[in-house]
Structures are given as structure tokens and as C-alpha cells.
C-alpha atoms as a PDB file:
ATOM      1  CA  UNK A   1       1.388   4.462  24.735  1.00  0.00           C
ATOM      2  CA  UNK A   2      -0.506   1.853  21.625  1.00  0.00           C
ATOM      3  CA  UNK A   3      -3.559   3.579  20.928  1.00  0.00           C
ATOM      4  CA  UNK A   4      -4.915   1.452  17.781  1.00  0.00           C
ATOM      5  CA  UNK A   5      -8.521   0.349  17.820  1.00  0.00           C
ATOM      6  CA  UNK A   6      -7.048  -3.390  17.838  1.00  0.00           C
ATOM      7  CA  UNK A   7      -4.820  -2.776  20.809  1.00  0.00           C
ATOM      8  CA  UNK A   8      -8.182  -1.512  22.407  1.00  0.00           C
ATOM      9  CA  UNK A   9     -10.227  -4.825  21.928  1.00  0.00           C
ATOM     10  CA  UNK A  10      -7.250  -7.209  22.839  1.00  0.00           C
ATOM     11  CA  UNK A  11      -7.375  -5.277  25.684  1.00  0.00           C
ATOM     12  CA  UNK A  12     -11.225  -5.862  25.932  1.00  0.00           C
ATOM     13  CA  UNK A  13     -10.966  -8.911  25.670  1.00  0.00           C
ATOM     14  CA  UNK A  14      -8.563  -9.994  28.298  1.00  0.00           C
ATOM     15  CA  UNK A  15     -10.842  -8.431  30.608  1.00  0.00           C
ATOM     16  CA  UNK A  16     -13.706 -10.526  29.812  1.00  0.00           C
ATOM     17  CA  UNK A  17     -15.652  -8.422  27.490  1.00  0.00           C
ATOM     18  CA  UNK A  18     -16.910  -9.985  24.510  1.00  0.00           C
ATOM     19  CA  UNK A  19     -18.419  -9.031  20.762  1.00  0.00           C
ATOM     20  CA  UNK A  20     -21.730  -8.462  20.576  1.00  0.00           C
ATOM     21  CA  UNK A  21     -22.482  -6.264  17.193  1.00  0.00           C
ATOM     22  CA  UNK A  22     -21.357  -3.133  15.254  1.00  0.00           C
ATOM     23  CA  UNK A  23     -23.462   0.135  14.270  1.00  0.00           C
ATOM     24  CA  UNK A  24     -21.502   2.298  11.543  1.00  0.00           C
ATOM     25  CA  UNK A  25     -17.898   2.256  12.543  1.00  0.00           C
ATOM     26  CA  UNK A  26     -17.947   1.701  15.997  1.00  0.00           C
ATOM     27  CA  UNK A  27     -18.140  -2.052  17.593  1.00  0.00           C
ATOM     28  CA  UNK A  28     -19.705  -3.523  21.063  1.00  0.00           C
ATOM     29  CA  UNK A  29     -18.467  -5.349  23.581  1.00  0.00           C
ATOM     30  CA  UNK A  30     -19.977  -6.441  26.747  1.00  0.00           C
ATOM     31  CA  UNK A  31     -18.716  -8.194  30.180  1.00  0.00           C
ATOM     32  CA  UNK A  32     -21.430 -10.340  30.643  1.00  0.00           C
ATOM     33  CA  UNK A  33     -20.119 -10.665  34.443  1.00  0.00           C
ATOM     34  CA  UNK A  34     -20.432  -6.917  35.126  1.00  0.00           C
ATOM     35  CA  UNK A  35     -22.931  -5.898  33.337  1.00  0.00           C
ATOM     36  CA  UNK A  36     -21.008  -3.248  31.251  1.00  0.00           C
ATOM     37  CA  UNK A  37     -20.796  -2.044  27.707  1.00  0.00           C
ATOM     38  CA  UNK A  38     -17.640  -0.452  25.608  1.00  0.00           C
ATOM     39  CA  UNK A  39     -18.019   0.735  22.530  1.00  0.00           C
ATOM     40  CA  UNK A  40     -14.860   1.073  19.980  1.00  0.00           C
ATOM     41  CA  UNK A  41     -14.659   2.983  16.960  1.00  0.00           C
ATOM     42  CA  UNK A  42     -12.760   1.263  13.777  1.00  0.00           C
ATOM     43  CA  UNK A  43     -12.253   3.618  11.735  1.00  0.00           C
ATOM     44  CA  UNK A  44      -9.286   2.645   9.200  1.00  0.00           C
ATOM     45  CA  UNK A  45      -5.777   2.403  10.351  1.00  0.00           C
ATOM     46  CA  UNK A  46      -6.734   6.188  12.511  1.00  0.00           C
ATOM     47  CA  UNK A  47      -5.376   5.703  16.252  1.00  0.00           C
ATOM     48  CA  UNK A  48      -7.770   6.200  19.424  1.00  0.00           C
ATOM     49  CA  UNK A  49      -7.182   9.719  20.248  1.00  0.00           C
ATOM     50  CA  UNK A  50      -5.416   9.052  24.197  1.00  0.00           C
ATOM     51  CA  UNK A  51      -8.736  10.872  25.821  1.00  0.00           C
ATOM     52  CA  UNK A  52     -11.232   8.984  24.061  1.00  0.00           C
ATOM     53  CA  UNK A  53      -9.283   5.072  24.171  1.00  0.00           C
ATOM     54  CA  UNK A  54      -8.407   5.864  28.745  1.00  0.00           C
ATOM     55  CA  UNK A  55     -12.168   6.963  29.184  1.00  0.00           C
ATOM     56  CA  UNK A  56     -13.129   3.766  27.314  1.00  0.00           C
ATOM     57  CA  UNK A  57     -11.456   1.817  29.497  1.00  0.00           C
ATOM     58  CA  UNK A  58     -12.809   3.501  32.509  1.00  0.00           C
ATOM     59  CA  UNK A  59     -15.835   3.595  31.364  1.00  0.00           C
ATOM     60  CA  UNK A  60     -15.427  -0.432  31.048  1.00  0.00           C
ATOM     61  CA  UNK A  61     -14.076  -0.312  34.878  1.00  0.00           C
ATOM     62  CA  UNK A  62      -9.924  -1.566  33.622  1.00  0.00           C
ATOM     63  CA  UNK A  63      -7.605   0.347  35.648  1.00  0.00           C
ATOM     64  CA  UNK A  64      -4.459  -1.347  34.357  1.00  0.00           C
ATOM     65  CA  UNK A  65      -4.225  -1.597  31.368  1.00  0.00           C
ATOM     66  CA  UNK A  66      -0.455  -2.503  31.051  1.00  0.00           C
ATOM     67  CA  UNK A  67      -0.831  -6.375  32.773  1.00  0.00           C
END
């Protein structure tokens, strides 16, 4: 499973999220339809931990990240 922040951004954008702002090393994405917010931690080339990655997807309401 790819756990890079860039892959997480692609998943969010495919599911209707758009970039709103940056706060430090975290990028904030919003979905205008569902009114949900997802925060993507971008710390250089470091991968996101698996639990954090899945928690962000759950918070965003994305059930099937493969599709």
C-alpha cells in the first residue's frame, strides 16, 4: 500500500476534495458537497503512518481507496 502524502492528496482530489490552505507542514483539503475537512501531513519525503493514513481516509468518508 502506498502511504505517501502525494498519494493521499490524489485520493482526496478524486473524491471531490479541493486544496484550501496550508498550516505549517499540513495541507487542508475540503469537500463542498459533504462539508468534510481532511488534513494531510506533508513532512518532506516521509510516508504517513498506516494508522494515520487510514484515519484520514475514514474522517474524509472514503471507504474504498482503491477505486
